[in-house]
Amino acid sequence: MAQCLQRDFGLAAAFPARYERPASLDAALRLLDRGPWQLLAGGTDVYPAHVGKPVAAPLLDLTGIAALRGIRRDDRGHWFGATTTWTDVLDADLPPVFDALKRAAREIGGVQIQNRGTLAGNLCNASPAADGTPVWLALDADVVLGSATGERRLPVAGFVLGSRRTALAPGEIVLGLHVPARRGAASRSHFQKLGGRRYLVISVTMVALAVDLDADARIVQAGVAVGSCSARAMRLTSLERRIAGRRLDEVEVLPDDVATLMPIDDLRGSGAYRRDATATLLRRAFAALAS
């Protein structure tokens, strides 16, 4: 096929020298152990990055590995496979603590992107504006990595290191994300995003909340995370500590709560505007959970 294209149309340079689609995780890890590959899952980041230029590295397509896709629950929490799509999340029967994840899933591109885009791809792209990352942070999720020598686990904050930078080592792939079992009598979550329009937009700011409540509806534990306001999504740990023991309708969000954010000035808004808007989104999110 490539020879025909080269002879007839001169397009062979657009195709990688090698393409593999292993059917098992072991086969994929063996290939990775032998040299560098461009990993491919949904392709919603890989293909746009190569518009007008060839794919230089050999492609390792992970979509044939059934073990990397799906959502399951056990006594320790919930497991989300790396190649699980955002549509899979929307279709899944999940408890209310994952409402934020579903809300974020609806914000990730259009339906076609949600059908193809994967959880691990969104995380590994390491965009400061990645919609999924603040939610994983608020949920205390761990990233599970695999290689030919074994597995290791990192919190999301230790995996996403900065804009377009992760802790993924050569020879490793993301196997999935694990969200630990919740504490308290009830757990809820919420996600809000601000952009120049309602859908298909890079955010000005976004917030994710996850709270565990006791029998008296007081906060036992809270995760509060913000995206698009620093080089990577951040948790607001001082706010989390301050609201412990309060009811949701008693929570106040103060200017100091967002002082640790480091938003830039760009076409979507100034840093000062982003901080102010983030505080407003947080107040709305707490109010939504309280109601």
C-alpha atoms as a PDB file:
ATOM      1  CA  MET A   1       0.000   0.000   0.000  1.00  0.00           C
ATOM      2  CA  ALA A   2       2.718   2.486   0.985  1.00  0.00           C
ATOM      3  CA  GLN A   3       4.684   1.602  -2.181  1.00  0.00           C
ATOM      4  CA  CYS A   4       1.613   2.264  -4.331  1.00  0.00           C
ATOM      5  CA  LEU A   5       1.045   5.595  -2.624  1.00  0.00           C
ATOM      6  CA  GLN A   6       4.677   6.570  -3.081  1.00  0.00           C
ATOM      7  CA  ARG A   7       4.624   5.647  -6.754  1.00  0.00           C
ATOM      8  CA  ASP A   8       1.274   7.212  -7.583  1.00  0.00           C
ATOM      9  CA  PHE A   9       0.869  10.078  -5.159  1.00  0.00           C
ATOM     10  CA  GLY A  10       4.181  10.616  -3.332  1.00  0.00           C
ATOM     11  CA  LEU A  11       2.548  10.140   0.106  1.00  0.00           C
ATOM     12  CA  ALA A  12       4.682   7.354   1.586  1.00  0.00           C
ATOM     13  CA  ALA A  13       6.533   9.781   3.846  1.00  0.00           C
ATOM     14  CA  ALA A  14       3.285  10.371   5.746  1.00  0.00           C
ATOM     15  CA  PHE A  15       3.235   6.789   7.027  1.00  0.00           C
ATOM     16  CA  PRO A  16       5.384   5.481   9.900  1.00  0.00           C
ATOM     17  CA  ALA A  17       8.097   2.957   9.125  1.00  0.00           C
ATOM     18  CA  ARG A  18       6.369   0.461  11.434  1.00  0.00           C
ATOM     19  CA  TYR A  19       2.917  -0.065  12.924  1.00  0.00           C
ATOM     20  CA  GLU A  20       2.007  -2.666  15.535  1.00  0.00           C
ATOM     21  CA  ARG A  21      -1.332  -3.410  17.199  1.00  0.00           C
ATOM     22  CA  PRO A  22      -0.669  -6.083  19.853  1.00  0.00           C
ATOM     23  CA  ALA A  23      -3.578  -8.065  21.259  1.00  0.00           C
ATOM     24  CA  SER A  24      -2.123  -8.485  24.750  1.00  0.00           C
ATOM     25  CA  LEU A  25      -0.473  -6.313  27.359  1.00  0.00           C
ATOM     26  CA  ASP A  26       2.542  -8.635  27.567  1.00  0.00           C
ATOM     27  CA  ALA A  27       3.139  -8.306  23.832  1.00  0.00           C
ATOM     28  CA  ALA A  28       2.898  -4.514  24.037  1.00  0.00           C
ATOM     29  CA  LEU A  29       5.347  -4.315  26.934  1.00  0.00           C
ATOM     30  CA  ARG A  30       7.832  -6.563  25.117  1.00  0.00           C
ATOM     31  CA  LEU A  31       7.732  -4.247  22.114  1.00  0.00           C
ATOM     32  CA  LEU A  32       8.186  -1.201  24.310  1.00  0.00           C
ATOM     33  CA  ASP A  33      11.175  -2.801  25.983  1.00  0.00           C
ATOM     34  CA  ARG A  34      12.993  -2.997  22.635  1.00  0.00           C
ATOM     35  CA  GLY A  35      12.904   0.664  21.717  1.00  0.00           C
ATOM     36  CA  PRO A  36      10.966   3.939  21.535  1.00  0.00           C
ATOM     37  CA  TRP A  37       7.443   4.018  20.122  1.00  0.00           C
ATOM     38  CA  GLN A  38       4.762   6.609  19.547  1.00  0.00           C
ATOM     39  CA  LEU A  39       1.878   5.290  21.632  1.00  0.00           C
ATOM     40  CA  LEU A  40      -1.541   5.476  20.002  1.00  0.00           C
ATOM     41  CA  ALA A  41      -4.942   5.035  21.641  1.00  0.00           C
ATOM     42  CA  GLY A  42      -7.743   7.403  20.641  1.00  0.00           C
ATOM     43  CA  GLY A  43      -5.402   9.419  18.432  1.00  0.00           C
ATOM     44  CA  THR A  44      -7.164  12.699  19.233  1.00  0.00           C
ATOM     45  CA  ASP A  45      -3.843  14.266  20.279  1.00  0.00           C
ATOM     46  CA  VAL A  46      -1.443  12.275  18.077  1.00  0.00           C
ATOM     47  CA  TYR A  47      -3.090  12.920  14.720  1.00  0.00           C
ATOM     48  CA  PRO A  48      -3.641  16.686  15.089  1.00  0.00           C
ATOM     49  CA  ALA A  49       0.000  17.028  16.164  1.00  0.00           C
ATOM     50  CA  HIS A  50       1.083  15.543  12.820  1.00  0.00           C
ATOM     51  CA  VAL A  51      -1.030  17.592  10.436  1.00  0.00           C
ATOM     52  CA  GLY A  52       1.208  18.410   7.478  1.00  0.00           C
ATOM     53  CA  LYS A  53       4.137  16.323   8.687  1.00  0.00           C
ATOM     54  CA  PRO A  54       4.951  12.607   8.876  1.00  0.00           C
ATOM     55  CA  VAL A  55       4.726  10.385  11.921  1.00  0.00           C
ATOM     56  CA  ALA A  56       8.443   9.933  12.494  1.00  0.00           C
ATOM     57  CA  ALA A  57       8.352   7.244  15.215  1.00  0.00           C
ATOM     58  CA  PRO A  58       6.916   3.745  14.806  1.00  0.00           C
ATOM     59  CA  LEU A  59       3.327   3.532  16.039  1.00  0.00           C
ATOM     60  CA  LEU A  60       2.251   1.185  18.821  1.00  0.00           C
ATOM     61  CA  ASP A  61      -1.537   0.999  18.766  1.00  0.00           C
ATOM     62  CA  LEU A  62      -2.942   0.018  22.195  1.00  0.00           C
ATOM     63  CA  THR A  63      -6.584  -0.261  21.154  1.00  0.00           C
ATOM     64  CA  GLY A  64      -6.391  -4.029  20.598  1.00  0.00           C
ATOM     65  CA  ILE A  65      -5.586  -4.748  24.275  1.00  0.00           C
ATOM     66  CA  ALA A  66      -8.890  -5.568  25.953  1.00  0.00           C
ATOM     67  CA  ALA A  67      -7.314  -5.524  29.434  1.00  0.00           C
ATOM     68  CA  LEU A  68      -6.643  -1.781  29.156  1.00  0.00           C
ATOM     69  CA  ARG A  69     -10.290  -0.811  28.672  1.00  0.00           C
ATOM     70  CA  GLY A  70     -13.180  -0.804  31.105  1.00  0.00           C
ATOM     71  CA  ILE A  71     -14.365   0.269  34.549  1.00  0.00           C
ATOM     72  CA  ARG A  72     -14.647  -2.042  37.520  1.00  0.00           C
ATOM     73  CA  ARG A  73     -15.253  -1.783  41.258  1.00  0.00           C
ATOM     74  CA  ASP A  74     -13.982  -3.746  44.237  1.00  0.00           C
ATOM     75  CA  ASP A  75     -13.569  -3.231  47.981  1.00  0.00           C
ATOM     76  CA  ARG A  76     -10.568  -0.949  47.422  1.00  0.00           C
ATOM     77  CA  GLY A  77     -12.275   1.440  45.032  1.00  0.00           C
ATOM     78  CA  HIS A  78     -12.818   1.919  41.294  1.00  0.00           C
ATOM     79  CA  TRP A  79     -10.477   1.037  38.438  1.00  0.00           C
ATOM     80  CA  PHE A  80     -10.558   2.928  35.125  1.00  0.00           C
ATOM     81  CA  GLY A  81      -8.574   1.294  32.325  1.00  0.00           C
ATOM     82  CA  ALA A  82      -6.206   3.468  30.313  1.00  0.00           C
ATOM     83  CA  THR A  83      -8.026   3.160  26.974  1.00  0.00           C
ATOM     84  CA  THR A  84     -11.479   3.610  28.477  1.00  0.00           C
ATOM     85  CA  THR A  85     -13.152   6.368  26.483  1.00  0.00           C
ATOM     86  CA  TRP A  86     -15.060   9.360  27.774  1.00  0.00           C
ATOM     87  CA  THR A  87     -18.215   7.904  26.246  1.00  0.00           C
ATOM     88  CA  ASP A  88     -17.586   4.760  28.301  1.00  0.00           C
ATOM     89  CA  VAL A  89     -17.544   6.978  31.415  1.00  0.00           C
ATOM     90  CA  LEU A  90     -20.809   8.656  30.412  1.00  0.00           C
ATOM     91  CA  ASP A  91     -22.467   5.309  29.780  1.00  0.00           C
ATOM     92  CA  ALA A  92     -21.236   3.695  33.008  1.00  0.00           C
ATOM     93  CA  ASP A  93     -23.394   3.217  36.102  1.00  0.00           C
ATOM     94  CA  LEU A  94     -21.265   5.088  38.640  1.00  0.00           C
ATOM     95  CA  PRO A  95     -22.043   6.424  42.150  1.00  0.00           C
ATOM     96  CA  PRO A  96     -22.581  10.180  42.724  1.00  0.00           C
ATOM     97  CA  VAL A  97     -18.942  10.767  43.680  1.00  0.00           C
ATOM     98  CA  PHE A  98     -18.155  10.388  39.969  1.00  0.00           C
ATOM     99  CA  ASP A  99     -20.669  13.005  38.824  1.00  0.00           C
ATOM    100  CA  ALA A 100     -17.738  15.415  38.357  1.00  0.00           C
ATOM    101  CA  LEU A 101     -16.032  12.934  36.035  1.00  0.00           C
ATOM    102  CA  LYS A 102     -19.177  12.627  33.947  1.00  0.00           C
ATOM    103  CA  ARG A 103     -19.573  16.407  33.790  1.00  0.00           C
ATOM    104  CA  ALA A 104     -15.955  16.737  32.652  1.00  0.00           C
ATOM    105  CA  ALA A 105     -16.490  13.998  30.059  1.00  0.00           C
ATOM    106  CA  ARG A 106     -19.257  16.048  28.445  1.00  0.00           C
ATOM    107  CA  GLU A 107     -16.856  18.987  28.070  1.00  0.00           C
ATOM    108  CA  ILE A 108     -14.116  17.083  26.224  1.00  0.00           C
ATOM    109  CA  GLY A 109     -14.632  18.022  22.598  1.00  0.00           C
ATOM    110  CA  GLY A 110     -17.727  16.878  20.709  1.00  0.00           C
ATOM    111  CA  VAL A 111     -19.317  13.450  20.702  1.00  0.00           C
ATOM    112  CA  GLN A 112     -16.831  12.129  18.128  1.00  0.00           C
ATOM    113  CA  ILE A 113     -13.901  13.074  20.377  1.00  0.00           C
ATOM    114  CA  GLN A 114     -15.632  11.582  23.421  1.00  0.00           C
ATOM    115  CA  ASN A 115     -16.119   8.345  21.461  1.00  0.00           C
ATOM    116  CA  ARG A 116     -12.414   8.107  20.622  1.00  0.00           C
ATOM    117  CA  GLY A 117     -10.513  10.033  23.283  1.00  0.00           C
ATOM    118  CA  THR A 118      -9.175   7.983  26.192  1.00  0.00           C
ATOM    119  CA  LEU A 119      -8.709   8.687  29.879  1.00  0.00           C
ATOM    120  CA  ALA A 120      -4.961   8.027  29.796  1.00  0.00           C
ATOM    121  CA  GLY A 121      -4.486  10.031  26.606  1.00  0.00           C
ATOM    122  CA  ASN A 122      -6.087  13.093  28.169  1.00  0.00           C
ATOM    123  CA  LEU A 123      -3.867  12.725  31.230  1.00  0.00           C
ATOM    124  CA  CYS A 124      -0.635  12.005  29.331  1.00  0.00           C
ATOM    125  CA  ASN A 125      -1.149  15.005  27.068  1.00  0.00           C
ATOM    126  CA  ALA A 126      -0.501  16.976  30.264  1.00  0.00           C
ATOM    127  CA  SER A 127      -2.223  20.129  29.113  1.00  0.00           C
ATOM    128  CA  PRO A 128      -2.839  22.654  31.903  1.00  0.00           C
ATOM    129  CA  ALA A 129      -6.381  22.839  30.484  1.00  0.00           C
ATOM    130  CA  ALA A 130      -7.026  19.067  30.372  1.00  0.00           C
ATOM    131  CA  ASP A 131     -10.567  18.671  31.690  1.00  0.00           C
ATOM    132  CA  GLY A 132     -10.006  15.316  33.363  1.00  0.00           C
ATOM    133  CA  THR A 133      -6.949  16.157  35.469  1.00  0.00           C
ATOM    134  CA  PRO A 134      -8.592  18.335  38.169  1.00  0.00           C
ATOM    135  CA  VAL A 135     -11.233  15.660  38.679  1.00  0.00           C
ATOM    136  CA  TRP A 136      -8.654  12.905  39.180  1.00  0.00           C
ATOM    137  CA  LEU A 137      -6.827  15.161  41.633  1.00  0.00           C
ATOM    138  CA  ALA A 138      -9.983  15.876  43.625  1.00  0.00           C
ATOM    139  CA  LEU A 139     -10.752  12.143  43.728  1.00  0.00           C
ATOM    140  CA  ASP A 140      -7.263  11.248  45.074  1.00  0.00           C
ATOM    141  CA  ALA A 141      -6.656   9.032  42.046  1.00  0.00           C
ATOM    142  CA  ASP A 142      -3.424   7.128  41.437  1.00  0.00           C
ATOM    143  CA  VAL A 143      -1.910   6.442  38.024  1.00  0.00           C
ATOM    144  CA  VAL A 144      -0.764   2.835  37.582  1.00  0.00           C
ATOM    145  CA  LEU A 145       2.172   2.421  35.187  1.00  0.00           C
ATOM    146  CA  GLY A 146       3.436  -0.796  33.624  1.00  0.00           C
ATOM    147  CA  SER A 147       6.666  -1.889  31.954  1.00  0.00           C
ATOM    148  CA  ALA A 148       8.498  -5.114  31.189  1.00  0.00           C
ATOM    149  CA  THR A 149      10.032  -4.979  34.685  1.00  0.00           C
ATOM    150  CA  GLY A 150       6.793  -4.528  36.624  1.00  0.00           C
ATOM    151  CA  GLU A 151       4.330  -1.928  37.825  1.00  0.00           C
ATOM    152  CA  ARG A 152       4.522   1.267  39.816  1.00  0.00           C
ATOM    153  CA  ARG A 153       1.939   3.688  41.133  1.00  0.00           C
ATOM    154  CA  LEU A 154       1.972   7.479  41.417  1.00  0.00           C
ATOM    155  CA  PRO A 155      -0.593  10.013  42.594  1.00  0.00           C
ATOM    156  CA  VAL A 156      -1.852  12.155  39.733  1.00  0.00           C
ATOM    157  CA  ALA A 157      -0.007  15.146  41.221  1.00  0.00           C
ATOM    158  CA  GLY A 158       3.231  13.166  40.985  1.00  0.00           C
ATOM    159  CA  PHE A 159       2.543  12.009  37.431  1.00  0.00           C
ATOM    160  CA  VAL A 160       1.634  15.302  35.726  1.00  0.00           C
ATOM    161  CA  LEU A 161       4.773  17.401  36.286  1.00  0.00           C
ATOM    162  CA  GLY A 162       3.957  20.502  34.237  1.00  0.00           C
ATOM    163  CA  SER A 163       2.747  21.669  30.863  1.00  0.00           C
ATOM    164  CA  ARG A 164       3.224  18.706  28.475  1.00  0.00           C
ATOM    165  CA  ARG A 165       5.452  16.925  31.017  1.00  0.00           C
ATOM    166  CA  THR A 166       4.751  13.670  32.851  1.00  0.00           C
ATOM    167  CA  ALA A 167       6.681  11.127  34.903  1.00  0.00           C
ATOM    168  CA  LEU A 168       6.163   8.418  32.269  1.00  0.00           C
ATOM    169  CA  ALA A 169       9.530   6.659  31.852  1.00  0.00           C
ATOM    170  CA  PRO A 170      10.883   5.026  28.674  1.00  0.00           C
ATOM    171  CA  GLY A 171       9.327   1.595  28.225  1.00  0.00           C
ATOM    172  CA  GLU A 172       6.261   2.432  30.337  1.00  0.00           C
ATOM    173  CA  ILE A 173       2.594   2.791  29.522  1.00  0.00           C
ATOM    174  CA  VAL A 174      -0.314   3.884  31.674  1.00  0.00           C
ATOM    175  CA  LEU A 175      -2.357   0.850  32.654  1.00  0.00           C
ATOM    176  CA  GLY A 176      -5.155   2.804  34.293  1.00  0.00           C
ATOM    177  CA  LEU A 177      -6.271   5.003  37.143  1.00  0.00           C
ATOM    178  CA  HIS A 178      -7.388   3.832  40.574  1.00  0.00           C
ATOM    179  CA  VAL A 179      -9.751   5.871  42.744  1.00  0.00           C
ATOM    180  CA  PRO A 180      -9.740   4.668  46.369  1.00  0.00           C
ATOM    181  CA  ALA A 181     -12.930   3.787  48.213  1.00  0.00           C
ATOM    182  CA  ARG A 182     -14.555   6.791  49.794  1.00  0.00           C
ATOM    183  CA  ARG A 183     -14.898   7.677  53.470  1.00  0.00           C
ATOM    184  CA  GLY A 184     -18.010   8.842  55.278  1.00  0.00           C
ATOM    185  CA  ALA A 185     -21.698   8.124  54.966  1.00  0.00           C
ATOM    186  CA  ALA A 186     -22.118   9.863  51.586  1.00  0.00           C
ATOM    187  CA  SER A 187     -19.859  11.181  48.839  1.00  0.00           C
ATOM    188  CA  ARG A 188     -20.553  13.751  46.141  1.00  0.00           C
ATOM    189  CA  SER A 189     -18.610  15.607  43.470  1.00  0.00           C
ATOM    190  CA  HIS A 190     -19.025  18.484  41.055  1.00  0.00           C
ATOM    191  CA  PHE A 191     -17.187  20.017  38.089  1.00  0.00           C
ATOM    192  CA  GLN A 192     -17.540  23.482  36.584  1.00  0.00           C
ATOM    193  CA  LYS A 193     -15.747  25.075  33.660  1.00  0.00           C
ATOM    194  CA  LEU A 194     -15.624  28.625  32.345  1.00  0.00           C
ATOM    195  CA  GLY A 195     -14.865  29.348  28.711  1.00  0.00           C
ATOM    196  CA  GLY A 196     -15.583  31.828  25.963  1.00  0.00           C
ATOM    197  CA  ARG A 197     -18.582  29.737  24.914  1.00  0.00           C
ATOM    198  CA  ARG A 198     -20.504  26.759  26.299  1.00  0.00           C
ATOM    199  CA  TYR A 199     -18.893  23.846  24.446  1.00  0.00           C
ATOM    200  CA  LEU A 200     -15.805  22.959  22.378  1.00  0.00           C
ATOM    201  CA  VAL A 201     -13.624  25.507  24.132  1.00  0.00           C
ATOM    202  CA  ILE A 202     -10.346  25.655  26.032  1.00  0.00           C
ATOM    203  CA  SER A 203     -11.193  26.768  29.547  1.00  0.00           C
ATOM    204  CA  VAL A 204     -10.393  30.055  31.216  1.00  0.00           C
ATOM    205  CA  THR A 205     -10.582  28.152  34.493  1.00  0.00           C
ATOM    206  CA  MET A 206     -12.210  24.997  35.831  1.00  0.00           C
ATOM    207  CA  VAL A 207     -12.818  23.508  39.265  1.00  0.00           C
ATOM    208  CA  ALA A 208     -13.496  20.019  40.600  1.00  0.00           C
ATOM    209  CA  LEU A 209     -14.802  19.123  44.062  1.00  0.00           C
ATOM    210  CA  ALA A 210     -15.141  15.750  45.772  1.00  0.00           C
ATOM    211  CA  VAL A 211     -16.449  15.557  49.328  1.00  0.00           C
ATOM    212  CA  ASP A 212     -17.191  12.799  51.811  1.00  0.00           C
ATOM    213  CA  LEU A 213     -19.904  13.609  54.351  1.00  0.00           C
ATOM    214  CA  ASP A 214     -20.659  12.050  57.737  1.00  0.00           C
ATOM    215  CA  ALA A 215     -24.101  11.126  59.060  1.00  0.00           C
ATOM    216  CA  ASP A 216     -24.657  14.766  60.106  1.00  0.00           C
ATOM    217  CA  ALA A 217     -23.817  16.002  56.570  1.00  0.00           C
ATOM    218  CA  ARG A 218     -20.510  17.486  57.703  1.00  0.00           C
ATOM    219  CA  ILE A 219     -17.404  17.264  55.541  1.00  0.00           C
ATOM    220  CA  VAL A 220     -15.121  14.404  56.557  1.00  0.00           C
ATOM    221  CA  GLN A 221     -12.725  14.829  53.650  1.00  0.00           C
ATOM    222  CA  ALA A 222     -12.597  17.145  50.651  1.00  0.00           C
ATOM    223  CA  GLY A 223     -10.666  17.312  47.413  1.00  0.00           C
ATOM    224  CA  VAL A 224     -10.639  20.706  45.675  1.00  0.00           C
ATOM    225  CA  ALA A 225      -8.687  21.106  42.434  1.00  0.00           C
ATOM    226  CA  VAL A 226      -8.331  23.826  39.788  1.00  0.00           C
ATOM    227  CA  GLY A 227      -7.217  23.592  36.170  1.00  0.00           C
ATOM    228  CA  SER A 228      -6.084  26.198  33.597  1.00  0.00           C
ATOM    229  CA  CYS A 229      -4.678  28.450  36.326  1.00  0.00           C
ATOM    230  CA  SER A 230      -1.127  27.090  36.628  1.00  0.00           C
ATOM    231  CA  ALA A 231       1.334  25.057  34.569  1.00  0.00           C
ATOM    232  CA  ARG A 232      -0.537  22.009  35.852  1.00  0.00           C
ATOM    233  CA  ALA A 233      -3.789  21.447  37.692  1.00  0.00           C
ATOM    234  CA  MET A 234      -3.476  22.103  41.431  1.00  0.00           C
ATOM    235  CA  ARG A 235      -5.251  21.116  44.615  1.00  0.00           C
ATOM    236  CA  LEU A 236      -6.191  23.845  47.072  1.00  0.00           C
ATOM    237  CA  THR A 237      -5.037  22.039  50.188  1.00  0.00           C
ATOM    238  CA  SER A 238      -5.440  24.985  52.571  1.00  0.00           C
ATOM    239  CA  LEU A 239      -9.095  25.319  51.577  1.00  0.00           C
ATOM    240  CA  GLU A 240      -9.568  21.559  51.963  1.00  0.00           C
ATOM    241  CA  ARG A 241      -8.260  21.692  55.516  1.00  0.00           C
ATOM    242  CA  ARG A 242     -10.256  24.785  56.446  1.00  0.00           C
ATOM    243  CA  ILE A 243     -13.641  23.362  55.438  1.00  0.00           C
ATOM    244  CA  ALA A 244     -13.254  20.018  57.232  1.00  0.00           C
ATOM    245  CA  GLY A 245     -16.077  19.557  59.715  1.00  0.00           C
ATOM    246  CA  ARG A 246     -18.374  22.114  58.092  1.00  0.00           C
ATOM    247  CA  ARG A 247     -21.632  21.600  56.263  1.00  0.00           C
ATOM    248  CA  LEU A 248     -21.601  22.336  52.561  1.00  0.00           C
ATOM    249  CA  ASP A 249     -23.857  25.366  52.965  1.00  0.00           C
ATOM    250  CA  GLU A 250     -21.441  26.782  55.552  1.00  0.00           C
ATOM    251  CA  VAL A 251     -18.434  26.820  53.237  1.00  0.00           C
ATOM    252  CA  GLU A 252     -17.023  30.236  52.366  1.00  0.00           C
ATOM    253  CA  VAL A 253     -14.492  30.713  49.568  1.00  0.00           C
ATOM    254  CA  LEU A 254     -12.123  33.604  50.274  1.00  0.00           C
ATOM    255  CA  PRO A 255      -9.598  35.379  48.011  1.00  0.00           C
ATOM    256  CA  ASP A 256      -6.749  33.796  49.998  1.00  0.00           C
ATOM    257  CA  ASP A 257      -8.040  30.337  49.032  1.00  0.00           C
ATOM    258  CA  VAL A 258      -6.966  30.906  45.404  1.00  0.00           C
ATOM    259  CA  ALA A 259      -3.787  32.869  46.158  1.00  0.00           C
ATOM    260  CA  THR A 260      -1.529  29.879  45.427  1.00  0.00           C
ATOM    261  CA  LEU A 261      -2.707  29.680  41.814  1.00  0.00           C
ATOM    262  CA  MET A 262      -0.348  31.039  39.161  1.00  0.00           C
ATOM    263  CA  PRO A 263      -2.531  31.909  36.158  1.00  0.00           C
ATOM    264  CA  ILE A 264      -1.071  33.584  33.101  1.00  0.00           C
ATOM    265  CA  ASP A 265      -2.378  36.541  31.134  1.00  0.00           C
ATOM    266  CA  ASP A 266      -3.486  35.485  27.645  1.00  0.00           C
ATOM    267  CA  LEU A 267      -6.248  36.033  25.103  1.00  0.00           C
ATOM    268  CA  ARG A 268      -8.747  34.145  27.258  1.00  0.00           C
ATOM    269  CA  GLY A 269      -8.280  36.339  30.328  1.00  0.00           C
ATOM    270  CA  SER A 270      -5.852  37.988  32.712  1.00  0.00           C
ATOM    271  CA  GLY A 271      -4.381  36.243  35.717  1.00  0.00           C
ATOM    272  CA  ALA A 272      -6.387  38.450  38.080  1.00  0.00           C
ATOM    273  CA  TYR A 273      -9.602  37.631  36.229  1.00  0.00           C
ATOM    274  CA  ARG A 274      -8.829  33.914  36.359  1.00  0.00           C
ATOM    275  CA  ARG A 275      -8.339  33.996  40.135  1.00  0.00           C
ATOM    276  CA  ASP A 276     -11.571  35.909  40.652  1.00  0.00           C
ATOM    277  CA  ALA A 277     -13.484  33.624  38.282  1.00  0.00           C
ATOM    278  CA  THR A 278     -12.078  30.542  40.014  1.00  0.00           C
ATOM    279  CA  ALA A 279     -13.362  31.745  43.394  1.00  0.00           C
ATOM    280  CA  THR A 280     -16.773  32.319  41.831  1.00  0.00           C
ATOM    281  CA  LEU A 281     -16.830  28.832  40.276  1.00  0.00           C
ATOM    282  CA  LEU A 282     -15.877  27.310  43.617  1.00  0.00           C
ATOM    283  CA  ARG A 283     -18.731  29.095  45.369  1.00  0.00           C
ATOM    284  CA  ARG A 284     -21.147  27.889  42.710  1.00  0.00           C
ATOM    285  CA  ALA A 285     -19.831  24.335  42.931  1.00  0.00           C
ATOM    286  CA  PHE A 286     -20.212  24.172  46.712  1.00  0.00           C
ATOM    287  CA  ALA A 287     -23.722  25.628  46.397  1.00  0.00           C
ATOM    288  CA  ALA A 288     -24.601  23.009  43.790  1.00  0.00           C
ATOM    289  CA  LEU A 289     -23.406  20.207  46.077  1.00  0.00           C
ATOM    290  CA  ALA A 290     -25.275  21.683  49.029  1.00  0.00           C
ATOM    291  CA  SER A 291     -28.529  21.712  47.074  1.00  0.00           C
END
